[in-house]
Amino acid sequence: DVIYAFLTFHNGKFVNWTCTTMQSRDNGHTW
């Protein structure tokens, strides 16, 4: 019952490309 979203961050050219995971325990209202 936890939602996980996998995000990529970059500089606008897919450089300085890093990753993180977002988690929501309230059906995606807050992360």
PDB file of all heavy atoms in Angstrom:
ATOM      1  N   ASP A   1       0.803  -1.231   0.000  1.00  0.00           N
ATOM      2  CA  ASP A   1       0.000   0.000   0.000  1.00  0.00           C
ATOM      3  C   ASP A   1       0.831   1.273   0.000  1.00  0.00           C
ATOM      4  O   ASP A   1       0.310   2.369   0.260  1.00  0.00           O
ATOM      5  CB  ASP A   1      -0.966   0.027   1.196  1.00  0.00           C
ATOM      6  CG  ASP A   1      -2.107  -0.969   1.037  1.00  0.00           C
ATOM      7  OD1 ASP A   1      -2.348  -1.408  -0.109  1.00  0.00           O
ATOM      8  OD2 ASP A   1      -2.743  -1.298   2.046  1.00  0.00           O
ATOM      9  N   VAL A   2       2.111   1.167  -0.293  1.00  0.00           N
ATOM     10  CA  VAL A   2       2.976   2.329  -0.454  1.00  0.00           C
ATOM     11  C   VAL A   2       3.287   2.473  -1.938  1.00  0.00           C
ATOM     12  O   VAL A   2       3.558   1.474  -2.628  1.00  0.00           O
ATOM     13  CB  VAL A   2       4.279   2.188   0.348  1.00  0.00           C
ATOM     14  CG1 VAL A   2       5.180   3.409   0.146  1.00  0.00           C
ATOM     15  CG2 VAL A   2       3.970   1.999   1.831  1.00  0.00           C
ATOM     16  N   ILE A   3       3.230   3.701  -2.460  1.00  0.00           N
ATOM     17  CA  ILE A   3       3.534   3.965  -3.865  1.00  0.00           C
ATOM     18  C   ILE A   3       4.963   4.479  -3.971  1.00  0.00           C
ATOM     19  O   ILE A   3       5.355   5.400  -3.250  1.00  0.00           O
ATOM     20  CB  ILE A   3       2.564   5.001  -4.458  1.00  0.00           C
ATOM     21  CG1 ILE A   3       1.110   4.578  -4.230  1.00  0.00           C
ATOM     22  CG2 ILE A   3       2.837   5.185  -5.950  1.00  0.00           C
ATOM     23  CD1 ILE A   3       0.103   5.630  -4.667  1.00  0.00           C
ATOM     24  N   TYR A   4       5.728   3.885  -4.876  1.00  0.00           N
ATOM     25  CA  TYR A   4       7.106   4.302  -5.118  1.00  0.00           C
ATOM     26  C   TYR A   4       7.222   4.825  -6.542  1.00  0.00           C
ATOM     27  O   TYR A   4       6.766   4.176  -7.493  1.00  0.00           O
ATOM     28  CB  TYR A   4       8.077   3.129  -4.923  1.00  0.00           C
ATOM     29  CG  TYR A   4       8.094   2.592  -3.516  1.00  0.00           C
ATOM     30  CD1 TYR A   4       7.235   1.553  -3.137  1.00  0.00           C
ATOM     31  CD2 TYR A   4       8.951   3.113  -2.557  1.00  0.00           C
ATOM     32  CE1 TYR A   4       7.240   1.052  -1.845  1.00  0.00           C
ATOM     33  CE2 TYR A   4       8.969   2.621  -1.254  1.00  0.00           C
ATOM     34  CZ  TYR A   4       8.101   1.593  -0.911  1.00  0.00           C
ATOM     35  OH  TYR A   4       8.107   1.099   0.376  1.00  0.00           O
ATOM     36  N   ALA A   5       7.801   5.992  -6.682  1.00  0.00           N
ATOM     37  CA  ALA A   5       8.042   6.590  -7.996  1.00  0.00           C
ATOM     38  C   ALA A   5       9.542   6.792  -8.163  1.00  0.00           C
ATOM     39  O   ALA A   5      10.221   7.307  -7.267  1.00  0.00           O
ATOM     40  CB  ALA A   5       7.320   7.918  -8.134  1.00  0.00           C
ATOM     41  N   PHE A   6      10.068   6.395  -9.321  1.00  0.00           N
ATOM     42  CA  PHE A   6      11.500   6.446  -9.582  1.00  0.00           C
ATOM     43  C   PHE A   6      11.790   7.601 -10.536  1.00  0.00           C
ATOM     44  O   PHE A   6      11.322   7.608 -11.682  1.00  0.00           O
ATOM     45  CB  PHE A   6      11.973   5.105 -10.137  1.00  0.00           C
ATOM     46  CG  PHE A   6      11.796   3.992  -9.153  1.00  0.00           C
ATOM     47  CD1 PHE A   6      10.598   3.309  -9.055  1.00  0.00           C
ATOM     48  CD2 PHE A   6      12.823   3.661  -8.282  1.00  0.00           C
ATOM     49  CE1 PHE A   6      10.419   2.306  -8.126  1.00  0.00           C
ATOM     50  CE2 PHE A   6      12.655   2.654  -7.337  1.00  0.00           C
ATOM     51  CZ  PHE A   6      11.451   1.974  -7.258  1.00  0.00           C
ATOM     52  N   LEU A   7      12.539   8.567 -10.036  1.00  0.00           N
ATOM     53  CA  LEU A   7      12.794   9.795 -10.765  1.00  0.00           C
ATOM     54  C   LEU A   7      14.253   9.911 -11.168  1.00  0.00           C
ATOM     55  O   LEU A   7      15.150   9.425 -10.483  1.00  0.00           O
ATOM     56  CB  LEU A   7      12.428  11.018  -9.916  1.00  0.00           C
ATOM     57  CG  LEU A   7      11.014  11.117  -9.361  1.00  0.00           C
ATOM     58  CD1 LEU A   7      10.828  12.469  -8.679  1.00  0.00           C
ATOM     59  CD2 LEU A   7       9.965  10.906 -10.436  1.00  0.00           C
ATOM     60  N   THR A   8      14.466  10.588 -12.280  1.00  0.00           N
ATOM     61  CA  THR A   8      15.786  10.967 -12.768  1.00  0.00           C
ATOM     62  C   THR A   8      15.881  12.486 -12.752  1.00  0.00           C
ATOM     63  O   THR A   8      14.950  13.173 -13.166  1.00  0.00           O
ATOM     64  CB  THR A   8      15.992  10.448 -14.200  1.00  0.00           C
ATOM     65  OG1 THR A   8      16.054   9.026 -14.185  1.00  0.00           O
ATOM     66  CG2 THR A   8      17.273  10.996 -14.810  1.00  0.00           C
ATOM     67  N   PHE A   9      17.020  12.993 -12.290  1.00  0.00           N
ATOM     68  CA  PHE A   9      17.317  14.423 -12.366  1.00  0.00           C
ATOM     69  C   PHE A   9      18.459  14.636 -13.349  1.00  0.00           C
ATOM     70  O   PHE A   9      19.389  13.811 -13.431  1.00  0.00           O
ATOM     71  CB  PHE A   9      17.737  14.977 -11.002  1.00  0.00           C
ATOM     72  CG  PHE A   9      16.706  14.809  -9.935  1.00  0.00           C
ATOM     73  CD1 PHE A   9      16.894  13.910  -8.897  1.00  0.00           C
ATOM     74  CD2 PHE A   9      15.538  15.555  -9.950  1.00  0.00           C
ATOM     75  CE1 PHE A   9      15.948  13.755  -7.908  1.00  0.00           C
ATOM     76  CE2 PHE A   9      14.580  15.415  -8.964  1.00  0.00           C
ATOM     77  CZ  PHE A   9      14.787  14.504  -7.938  1.00  0.00           C
ATOM     78  N   HIS A  10      18.418  15.748 -14.085  1.00  0.00           N
ATOM     79  CA  HIS A  10      19.516  16.064 -15.003  1.00  0.00           C
ATOM     80  C   HIS A  10      19.528  17.561 -15.278  1.00  0.00           C
ATOM     81  O   HIS A  10      18.682  18.315 -14.767  1.00  0.00           O
ATOM     82  CB  HIS A  10      19.402  15.236 -16.287  1.00  0.00           C
ATOM     83  CG  HIS A  10      18.140  15.457 -17.061  1.00  0.00           C
ATOM     84  ND1 HIS A  10      18.026  16.397 -18.070  1.00  0.00           N
ATOM     85  CD2 HIS A  10      16.911  14.858 -16.987  1.00  0.00           C
ATOM     86  CE1 HIS A  10      16.812  16.362 -18.578  1.00  0.00           C
ATOM     87  NE2 HIS A  10      16.103  15.440 -17.944  1.00  0.00           N
ATOM     88  N   ASN A  11      20.477  18.002 -16.086  1.00  0.00           N
ATOM     89  CA  ASN A  11      20.665  19.440 -16.335  1.00  0.00           C
ATOM     90  C   ASN A  11      19.904  19.948 -17.547  1.00  0.00           C
ATOM     91  O   ASN A  11      20.129  21.070 -17.988  1.00  0.00           O
ATOM     92  CB  ASN A  11      22.158  19.747 -16.490  1.00  0.00           C
ATOM     93  CG  ASN A  11      22.749  19.138 -17.765  1.00  0.00           C
ATOM     94  OD1 ASN A  11      22.093  18.333 -18.441  1.00  0.00           O
ATOM     95  ND2 ASN A  11      23.977  19.508 -18.089  1.00  0.00           N
ATOM     96  N   GLY A  12      19.043  19.124 -18.091  1.00  0.00           N
ATOM     97  CA  GLY A  12      18.312  19.496 -19.302  1.00  0.00           C
ATOM     98  C   GLY A  12      18.865  18.841 -20.540  1.00  0.00           C
ATOM     99  O   GLY A  12      18.284  18.965 -21.626  1.00  0.00           O
ATOM    100  N   LYS A  13      19.991  18.110 -20.379  1.00  0.00           N
ATOM    101  CA  LYS A  13      20.598  17.405 -21.506  1.00  0.00           C
ATOM    102  C   LYS A  13      20.930  15.959 -21.120  1.00  0.00           C
ATOM    103  O   LYS A  13      21.761  15.323 -21.752  1.00  0.00           O
ATOM    104  CB  LYS A  13      21.863  18.137 -21.963  1.00  0.00           C
ATOM    105  CG  LYS A  13      21.580  19.537 -22.505  1.00  0.00           C
ATOM    106  CD  LYS A  13      22.827  20.194 -23.085  1.00  0.00           C
ATOM    107  CE  LYS A  13      22.461  21.535 -23.729  1.00  0.00           C
ATOM    108  NZ  LYS A  13      23.619  22.188 -24.371  1.00  0.00           N
ATOM    109  N   PHE A  14      20.277  15.450 -20.092  1.00  0.00           N
ATOM    110  CA  PHE A  14      20.582  14.134 -19.535  1.00  0.00           C
ATOM    111  C   PHE A  14      22.058  14.020 -19.162  1.00  0.00           C
ATOM    112  O   PHE A  14      22.694  12.981 -19.351  1.00  0.00           O
ATOM    113  CB  PHE A  14      20.149  13.007 -20.471  1.00  0.00           C
ATOM    114  CG  PHE A  14      18.675  12.719 -20.434  1.00  0.00           C
ATOM    115  CD1 PHE A  14      17.908  12.843 -21.576  1.00  0.00           C
ATOM    116  CD2 PHE A  14      18.045  12.364 -19.251  1.00  0.00           C
ATOM    117  CE1 PHE A  14      16.534  12.602 -21.544  1.00  0.00           C
ATOM    118  CE2 PHE A  14      16.678  12.122 -19.205  1.00  0.00           C
ATOM    119  CZ  PHE A  14      15.921  12.234 -20.352  1.00  0.00           C
ATOM    120  N   VAL A  15      22.607  15.090 -18.624  1.00  0.00           N
ATOM    121  CA  VAL A  15      23.947  15.125 -18.058  1.00  0.00           C
ATOM    122  C   VAL A  15      23.800  15.551 -16.602  1.00  0.00           C
ATOM    123  O   VAL A  15      22.804  16.171 -16.228  1.00  0.00           O
ATOM    124  CB  VAL A  15      24.862  16.083 -18.850  1.00  0.00           C
ATOM    125  CG1 VAL A  15      26.225  16.241 -18.196  1.00  0.00           C
ATOM    126  CG2 VAL A  15      25.032  15.569 -20.287  1.00  0.00           C
ATOM    127  N   ASN A  16      24.820  15.207 -15.767  1.00  0.00           N
ATOM    128  CA  ASN A  16      24.639  15.296 -14.311  1.00  0.00           C
ATOM    129  C   ASN A  16      23.416  14.488 -13.902  1.00  0.00           C
ATOM    130  O   ASN A  16      22.613  14.890 -13.063  1.00  0.00           O
ATOM    131  CB  ASN A  16      24.495  16.742 -13.837  1.00  0.00           C
ATOM    132  CG  ASN A  16      25.827  17.437 -13.675  1.00  0.00           C
ATOM    133  OD1 ASN A  16      26.885  16.789 -13.626  1.00  0.00           O
ATOM    134  ND2 ASN A  16      25.812  18.756 -13.599  1.00  0.00           N
ATOM    135  N   TRP A  17      23.288  13.320 -14.515  1.00  0.00           N
ATOM    136  CA  TRP A  17      22.131  12.442 -14.387  1.00  0.00           C
ATOM    137  C   TRP A  17      22.229  11.662 -13.081  1.00  0.00           C
ATOM    138  O   TRP A  17      23.117  10.851 -12.895  1.00  0.00           O
ATOM    139  CB  TRP A  17      22.120  11.538 -15.605  1.00  0.00           C
ATOM    140  CG  TRP A  17      21.148  10.419 -15.696  1.00  0.00           C
ATOM    141  CD1 TRP A  17      20.432   9.820 -14.714  1.00  0.00           C
ATOM    142  CD2 TRP A  17      20.802   9.736 -16.910  1.00  0.00           C
ATOM    143  NE1 TRP A  17      19.670   8.802 -15.217  1.00  0.00           N
ATOM    144  CE2 TRP A  17      19.878   8.735 -16.561  1.00  0.00           C
ATOM    145  CE3 TRP A  17      21.192   9.866 -18.239  1.00  0.00           C
ATOM    146  CZ2 TRP A  17      19.336   7.862 -17.503  1.00  0.00           C
ATOM    147  CZ3 TRP A  17      20.652   9.000 -19.186  1.00  0.00           C
ATOM    148  CH2 TRP A  17      19.732   8.015 -18.819  1.00  0.00           C
ATOM    149  N   THR A  18      21.314  11.924 -12.160  1.00  0.00           N
ATOM    150  CA  THR A  18      21.237  11.209 -10.899  1.00  0.00           C
ATOM    151  C   THR A  18      19.822  10.680 -10.710  1.00  0.00           C
ATOM    152  O   THR A  18      18.902  11.041 -11.456  1.00  0.00           O
ATOM    153  CB  THR A  18      21.614  12.120  -9.710  1.00  0.00           C
ATOM    154  OG1 THR A  18      20.707  13.227  -9.654  1.00  0.00           O
ATOM    155  CG2 THR A  18      23.045  12.636  -9.856  1.00  0.00           C
ATOM    156  N   CYS A  19      19.639   9.834  -9.705  1.00  0.00           N
ATOM    157  CA  CYS A  19      18.357   9.172  -9.507  1.00  0.00           C
ATOM    158  C   CYS A  19      17.899   9.310  -8.056  1.00  0.00           C
ATOM    159  O   CYS A  19      18.720   9.431  -7.144  1.00  0.00           O
ATOM    160  CB  CYS A  19      18.459   7.685  -9.851  1.00  0.00           C
ATOM    161  SG  CYS A  19      19.124   7.326 -11.492  1.00  0.00           S
ATOM    162  N   THR A  20      16.599   9.264  -7.851  1.00  0.00           N
ATOM    163  CA  THR A  20      16.054   9.195  -6.504  1.00  0.00           C
ATOM    164  C   THR A  20      14.740   8.425  -6.536  1.00  0.00           C
ATOM    165  O   THR A  20      14.186   8.134  -7.612  1.00  0.00           O
ATOM    166  CB  THR A  20      15.840  10.592  -5.891  1.00  0.00           C
ATOM    167  OG1 THR A  20      15.755  10.470  -4.462  1.00  0.00           O
ATOM    168  CG2 THR A  20      14.579  11.259  -6.411  1.00  0.00           C
ATOM    169  N   THR A  21      14.247   8.121  -5.335  1.00  0.00           N
ATOM    170  CA  THR A  21      12.987   7.406  -5.182  1.00  0.00           C
ATOM    171  C   THR A  21      12.044   8.257  -4.344  1.00  0.00           C
ATOM    172  O   THR A  21      12.426   8.746  -3.273  1.00  0.00           O
ATOM    173  CB  THR A  21      13.198   6.060  -4.476  1.00  0.00           C
ATOM    174  OG1 THR A  21      14.264   5.348  -5.103  1.00  0.00           O
ATOM    175  CG2 THR A  21      11.923   5.219  -4.525  1.00  0.00           C
ATOM    176  N   MET A  22      10.837   8.451  -4.835  1.00  0.00           N
ATOM    177  CA  MET A  22       9.799   9.160  -4.084  1.00  0.00           C
ATOM    178  C   MET A  22       8.825   8.124  -3.522  1.00  0.00           C
ATOM    179  O   MET A  22       8.532   7.114  -4.167  1.00  0.00           O
ATOM    180  CB  MET A  22       9.067  10.149  -4.978  1.00  0.00           C
ATOM    181  CG  MET A  22       9.948  11.196  -5.625  1.00  0.00           C
ATOM    182  SD  MET A  22      10.741  12.297  -4.457  1.00  0.00           S
ATOM    183  CE  MET A  22       9.325  13.220  -3.851  1.00  0.00           C
ATOM    184  N   GLN A  23       8.316   8.407  -2.328  1.00  0.00           N
ATOM    185  CA  GLN A  23       7.416   7.488  -1.643  1.00  0.00           C
ATOM    186  C   GLN A  23       6.159   8.222  -1.198  1.00  0.00           C
ATOM    187  O   GLN A  23       6.236   9.337  -0.685  1.00  0.00           O
ATOM    188  CB  GLN A  23       8.134   6.904  -0.433  1.00  0.00           C
ATOM    189  CG  GLN A  23       7.287   6.052   0.490  1.00  0.00           C
ATOM    190  CD  GLN A  23       8.077   5.610   1.702  1.00  0.00           C
ATOM    191  OE1 GLN A  23       8.808   4.626   1.637  1.00  0.00           O
ATOM    192  NE2 GLN A  23       7.960   6.334   2.799  1.00  0.00           N
ATOM    193  N   SER A  24       5.010   7.580  -1.415  1.00  0.00           N
ATOM    194  CA  SER A  24       3.745   8.152  -0.944  1.00  0.00           C
ATOM    195  C   SER A  24       2.984   7.105  -0.142  1.00  0.00           C
ATOM    196  O   SER A  24       2.793   5.973  -0.606  1.00  0.00           O
ATOM    197  CB  SER A  24       2.880   8.612  -2.122  1.00  0.00           C
ATOM    198  OG  SER A  24       1.628   9.092  -1.651  1.00  0.00           O
ATOM    199  N   ARG A  25       2.543   7.503   1.040  1.00  0.00           N
ATOM    200  CA  ARG A  25       1.752   6.629   1.905  1.00  0.00           C
ATOM    201  C   ARG A  25       0.290   7.069   1.978  1.00  0.00           C
ATOM    202  O   ARG A  25      -0.473   6.531   2.777  1.00  0.00           O
ATOM    203  CB  ARG A  25       2.362   6.580   3.308  1.00  0.00           C
ATOM    204  CG  ARG A  25       3.763   5.959   3.343  1.00  0.00           C
ATOM    205  CD  ARG A  25       4.315   5.882   4.757  1.00  0.00           C
ATOM    206  NE  ARG A  25       5.605   5.206   4.788  1.00  0.00           N
ATOM    207  CZ  ARG A  25       5.770   3.886   4.886  1.00  0.00           C
ATOM    208  NH1 ARG A  25       4.700   3.106   4.972  1.00  0.00           N
ATOM    209  NH2 ARG A  25       6.962   3.346   4.906  1.00  0.00           N
ATOM    210  N   ASP A  26      -0.075   8.072   1.169  1.00  0.00           N
ATOM    211  CA  ASP A  26      -1.453   8.582   1.199  1.00  0.00           C
ATOM    212  C   ASP A  26      -2.053   8.631  -0.204  1.00  0.00           C
ATOM    213  O   ASP A  26      -2.686   9.589  -0.593  1.00  0.00           O
ATOM    214  CB  ASP A  26      -1.511   9.949   1.870  1.00  0.00           C
ATOM    215  CG  ASP A  26      -0.668  11.001   1.165  1.00  0.00           C
ATOM    216  OD1 ASP A  26      -0.055  10.681   0.118  1.00  0.00           O
ATOM    217  OD2 ASP A  26      -0.623  12.142   1.643  1.00  0.00           O
ATOM    218  N   ASN A  27      -1.828   7.542  -0.968  1.00  0.00           N
ATOM    219  CA  ASN A  27      -2.438   7.389  -2.295  1.00  0.00           C
ATOM    220  C   ASN A  27      -1.983   8.450  -3.293  1.00  0.00           C
ATOM    221  O   ASN A  27      -2.725   8.836  -4.191  1.00  0.00           O
ATOM    222  CB  ASN A  27      -3.962   7.384  -2.189  1.00  0.00           C
ATOM    223  CG  ASN A  27      -4.482   6.213  -1.378  1.00  0.00           C
ATOM    224  OD1 ASN A  27      -4.464   5.078  -1.834  1.00  0.00           O
ATOM    225  ND2 ASN A  27      -4.912   6.482  -0.156  1.00  0.00           N
ATOM    226  N   GLY A  28      -0.739   8.925  -3.126  1.00  0.00           N
ATOM    227  CA  GLY A  28      -0.157   9.836  -4.101  1.00  0.00           C
ATOM    228  C   GLY A  28      -0.471  11.296  -3.884  1.00  0.00           C
ATOM    229  O   GLY A  28      -0.103  12.125  -4.715  1.00  0.00           O
ATOM    230  N   HIS A  29      -1.101  11.652  -2.777  1.00  0.00           N
ATOM    231  CA  HIS A  29      -1.390  13.059  -2.512  1.00  0.00           C
ATOM    232  C   HIS A  29      -0.126  13.820  -2.111  1.00  0.00           C
ATOM    233  O   HIS A  29       0.089  14.950  -2.551  1.00  0.00           O
ATOM    234  CB  HIS A  29      -2.459  13.194  -1.425  1.00  0.00           C
ATOM    235  CG  HIS A  29      -3.829  12.789  -1.875  1.00  0.00           C
ATOM    236  ND1 HIS A  29      -4.626  13.585  -2.675  1.00  0.00           N
ATOM    237  CD2 HIS A  29      -4.538  11.648  -1.641  1.00  0.00           C
ATOM    238  CE1 HIS A  29      -5.776  12.963  -2.912  1.00  0.00           C
ATOM    239  NE2 HIS A  29      -5.746  11.793  -2.302  1.00  0.00           N
ATOM    240  N   THR A  30       0.699  13.198  -1.266  1.00  0.00           N
ATOM    241  CA  THR A  30       1.966  13.807  -0.862  1.00  0.00           C
ATOM    242  C   THR A  30       3.089  12.802  -1.057  1.00  0.00           C
ATOM    243  O   THR A  30       2.875  11.584  -1.016  1.00  0.00           O
ATOM    244  CB  THR A  30       1.942  14.266   0.605  1.00  0.00           C
ATOM    245  OG1 THR A  30       1.732  13.128   1.466  1.00  0.00           O
ATOM    246  CG2 THR A  30       0.837  15.292   0.834  1.00  0.00           C
ATOM    247  N   TRP A  31       4.303  13.350  -1.252  1.00  0.00           N
ATOM    248  CA  TRP A  31       5.449  12.503  -1.602  1.00  0.00           C
ATOM    249  C   TRP A  31       6.649  12.876  -0.753  1.00  0.00           C
ATOM    250  O   TRP A  31       6.877  14.046  -0.450  1.00  0.00           O
ATOM    251  CB  TRP A  31       5.803  12.666  -3.080  1.00  0.00           C
ATOM    252  CG  TRP A  31       4.732  12.201  -4.009  1.00  0.00           C
ATOM    253  CD1 TRP A  31       3.655  12.922  -4.438  1.00  0.00           C
ATOM    254  CD2 TRP A  31       4.608  10.905  -4.592  1.00  0.00           C
ATOM    255  NE1 TRP A  31       2.873  12.155  -5.273  1.00  0.00           N
ATOM    256  CE2 TRP A  31       3.435  10.914  -5.387  1.00  0.00           C
ATOM    257  CE3 TRP A  31       5.376   9.743  -4.544  1.00  0.00           C
ATOM    258  CZ2 TRP A  31       3.014   9.801  -6.122  1.00  0.00           C
ATOM    259  CZ3 TRP A  31       4.967   8.640  -5.272  1.00  0.00           C
ATOM    260  CH2 TRP A  31       3.796   8.666  -6.045  1.00  0.00           C
TER     261      TRP A  31
END
